[in-house]
Protein backbone atom coordinates (compact mmCIF):
# COMPACT_ATOMS: atom_id res chain seq x y z
CA MET A 1 -4.07 6.23 15.32
CA HIS A 2 -4.11 5.03 11.73
CA PRO A 3 -2.84 1.46 11.18
CA LEU A 4 -0.58 2.70 8.37
CA HIS A 5 0.74 5.85 10.11
CA GLN A 6 4.34 4.61 10.49
CA ILE A 7 4.54 2.68 7.21
CA VAL A 8 6.09 4.40 4.21
CA GLN A 9 7.14 3.81 0.65
CA VAL A 10 10.38 5.27 -0.68
CA PRO A 11 10.45 5.81 -4.45
CA GLY A 12 13.31 3.88 -6.04
CA ASN A 13 13.57 1.56 -3.05
CA GLY A 14 11.23 -1.40 -3.43
CA GLY A 15 8.83 -2.53 -0.78
CA VAL A 16 7.41 -0.83 2.26
CA HIS A 17 9.20 0.28 5.39
CA ARG A 18 8.38 1.09 8.99
CA ILE A 19 9.65 4.38 10.41
CA ILE A 20 11.70 3.52 13.50
CA THR A 21 12.62 7.12 14.35
CA THR A 22 13.09 10.55 12.80
CA SER A 23 15.70 13.24 13.37
CA LYS A 24 17.06 16.38 11.73
CA GLN A 25 19.27 14.15 9.58
CA GLY A 26 16.41 12.00 8.25
CA TYR A 27 14.69 8.73 9.03
CA ILE A 28 15.73 5.36 10.35
CA LEU A 29 13.63 2.87 8.39
CA GLN A 30 13.17 -0.87 8.71
CA SER A 31 12.06 -2.94 5.75
CA ILE A 32 8.90 -4.96 6.23
CA ASP A 33 10.09 -8.27 4.86
CA ALA A 34 11.98 -11.32 6.06
CA GLU A 35 15.29 -9.41 6.24
CA GLN A 36 13.94 -6.50 8.33
CA ARG A 37 16.93 -4.46 7.18
CA ARG A 38 17.41 -1.11 8.92
CA TRP A 39 18.78 1.86 7.02
CA HIS A 40 19.08 5.63 7.15
CA ALA A 41 17.15 7.77 4.68
CA PRO A 42 18.43 11.37 4.54
CA THR A 43 16.01 14.27 5.09
CA GLN A 44 15.86 15.06 1.36
CA THR A 45 14.60 11.53 0.61
CA LYS A 46 11.01 11.57 -0.58
CA VAL A 47 9.00 9.38 1.78
CA ALA A 48 5.31 8.66 1.14
CA ALA A 49 3.21 7.54 4.11
CA LEU A 50 0.78 4.81 3.05
CA GLU A 51 -1.97 6.42 5.13
CA GLU A 52 -1.91 9.38 2.70
CA ILE A 53 -2.09 7.37 -0.52
CA ALA A 54 -5.37 6.83 -2.34
CA ILE A 55 -6.43 5.06 -5.51
CA TYR A 56 -8.40 6.93 -8.16
CA THR A 57 -11.90 5.66 -8.94
CA GLN A 58 -14.50 6.86 -11.43
CA GLU A 59 -16.14 8.97 -8.69
CA ASP A 60 -13.38 10.03 -6.32
CA GLN A 61 -10.38 8.54 -4.53
CA VAL A 62 -10.39 5.58 -2.17
CA PRO A 63 -7.87 5.61 0.70
CA LEU A 64 -5.33 2.80 0.46
CA TRP A 65 -6.50 1.48 3.84
CA ASN A 66 -9.99 0.87 2.38
CA VAL A 67 -8.47 -0.75 -0.71
CA PHE A 68 -6.44 -3.10 1.52
CA ARG A 69 -9.54 -3.93 3.57
CA ASN A 70 -11.49 -4.74 0.39
CA LEU A 71 -8.67 -7.04 -0.73
CA TRP A 72 -8.44 -8.63 2.72
CA GLY A 73 -12.20 -9.19 2.66
CA LEU A 74 -11.87 -11.45 -0.39
CA GLY A 75 -9.92 -13.94 1.74
CA LEU A 76 -7.48 -14.76 -1.05
CA ALA A 77 -4.47 -16.96 -0.47
CA ASP A 78 -1.06 -15.38 -0.91
CA GLN A 79 -0.33 -17.77 -3.77
CA GLU A 80 -3.44 -16.59 -5.65
CA ILE A 81 -2.30 -12.98 -5.36
CA GLN A 82 1.23 -13.92 -6.45
CA LEU A 83 -0.16 -15.67 -9.53
CA ALA A 84 -2.18 -12.57 -10.44
CA LEU A 85 1.04 -10.55 -10.45
CA GLY A 86 2.33 -12.76 -13.27
CA ASN A 87 0.61 -11.07 -16.19
CA GLU A 88 -1.20 -7.84 -16.94
CA ALA A 89 -4.64 -9.33 -17.61
CA ASP A 90 -4.65 -11.29 -14.34
CA THR A 91 -3.47 -8.25 -12.39
CA LYS A 92 -6.27 -6.09 -13.82
CA ALA A 93 -8.87 -8.81 -13.23
CA MET A 94 -7.87 -9.24 -9.60
CA PHE A 95 -7.75 -5.49 -9.00
CA ALA A 96 -11.27 -5.17 -10.44
CA ARG A 97 -12.49 -7.80 -7.94
CA PHE A 98 -11.78 -5.62 -4.91
CA LEU A 99 -12.01 -2.15 -6.52
CA PRO A 100 -14.37 -2.54 -9.49
CA ASN A 101 -14.78 1.19 -10.16
CA TYR A 102 -11.07 2.08 -10.33
CA ASP A 103 -10.17 4.67 -12.95
CA ALA A 104 -8.46 2.67 -15.71
CA ASN A 105 -7.05 5.86 -17.24
CA ARG A 106 -5.24 6.92 -14.06
CA VAL A 107 -4.43 3.64 -12.29
CA TYR A 108 -1.70 1.80 -14.15
CA VAL A 109 -0.83 -1.89 -13.95
CA SER A 110 2.38 -0.90 -12.13
CA ASP A 111 0.23 0.81 -9.45
CA MET A 112 -1.95 -2.28 -9.15
CA ARG A 113 1.08 -4.50 -8.72
CA LYS A 114 2.47 -2.18 -6.04
CA VAL A 115 -0.79 -2.36 -4.10
CA LEU A 116 -0.84 -6.15 -4.31
CA ARG A 117 2.82 -6.46 -3.27
CA TRP A 118 2.37 -4.00 -0.41
CA PHE A 119 -0.66 -5.95 0.79
CA LEU A 120 1.32 -9.20 0.79
CA ALA A 121 4.16 -7.55 2.72
CA LEU A 122 1.84 -5.94 5.27
CA LYS A 123 -0.52 -8.87 5.74
CA SER A 124 1.60 -10.36 8.53
CA VAL A 125 2.12 -7.08 10.44
CA VAL A 126 -1.16 -5.16 10.02
CA ASP A 127 -4.61 -6.28 11.17
CA PHE A 128 -6.80 -5.40 8.19
CA GLY A 129 -9.83 -6.70 10.07
CA ALA A 130 -9.55 -4.01 12.75
CA ASP A 131 -11.94 -1.08 12.59
CA PHE A 132 -10.42 2.29 12.00
CA ALA A 133 -12.79 5.22 12.54
CA ASP A 134 -11.03 7.64 10.18
CA SER A 135 -10.72 5.23 7.24
CA GLU A 136 -13.48 7.07 5.42
CA LYS A 137 -11.69 10.43 5.44
CA SER A 138 -10.50 11.68 2.10
CA ALA A 139 -6.88 11.00 1.20
CA SER A 140 -4.75 13.66 -0.36
CA GLU A 141 -2.58 11.70 -2.81
CA GLY A 142 -3.59 9.37 -5.63
CA ALA A 143 -1.70 6.44 -7.05
């Protein structure tokens, strides 16, 4: 099972959320933050599973799981990542450290900031050091 299989992003609703349950009426989601707020998202709500998101590179797309693992591998402190979110140049420089061949024409600074914020939110609930056999499979959606 993919480490990100129950974690989603809802456009217009900041942060990432864990799917608690699904029904015909929609989803019960729980925010992955200090509040851990639970809420109902109706069926028509667009929900994007993080396991299906990929980042465009010059050659292809890299699954978000691999991007997170690259970032985790740098061993950066949370404060260092937070500082990089402060301005565009720092955000781009940090992103290039863990994904040097990203496609600058298709990956915007807002996408980079989302990835960094999601990583910070997930760092305490997901083991990025764990092996996942299917992490190399091609993802279907780009950021």
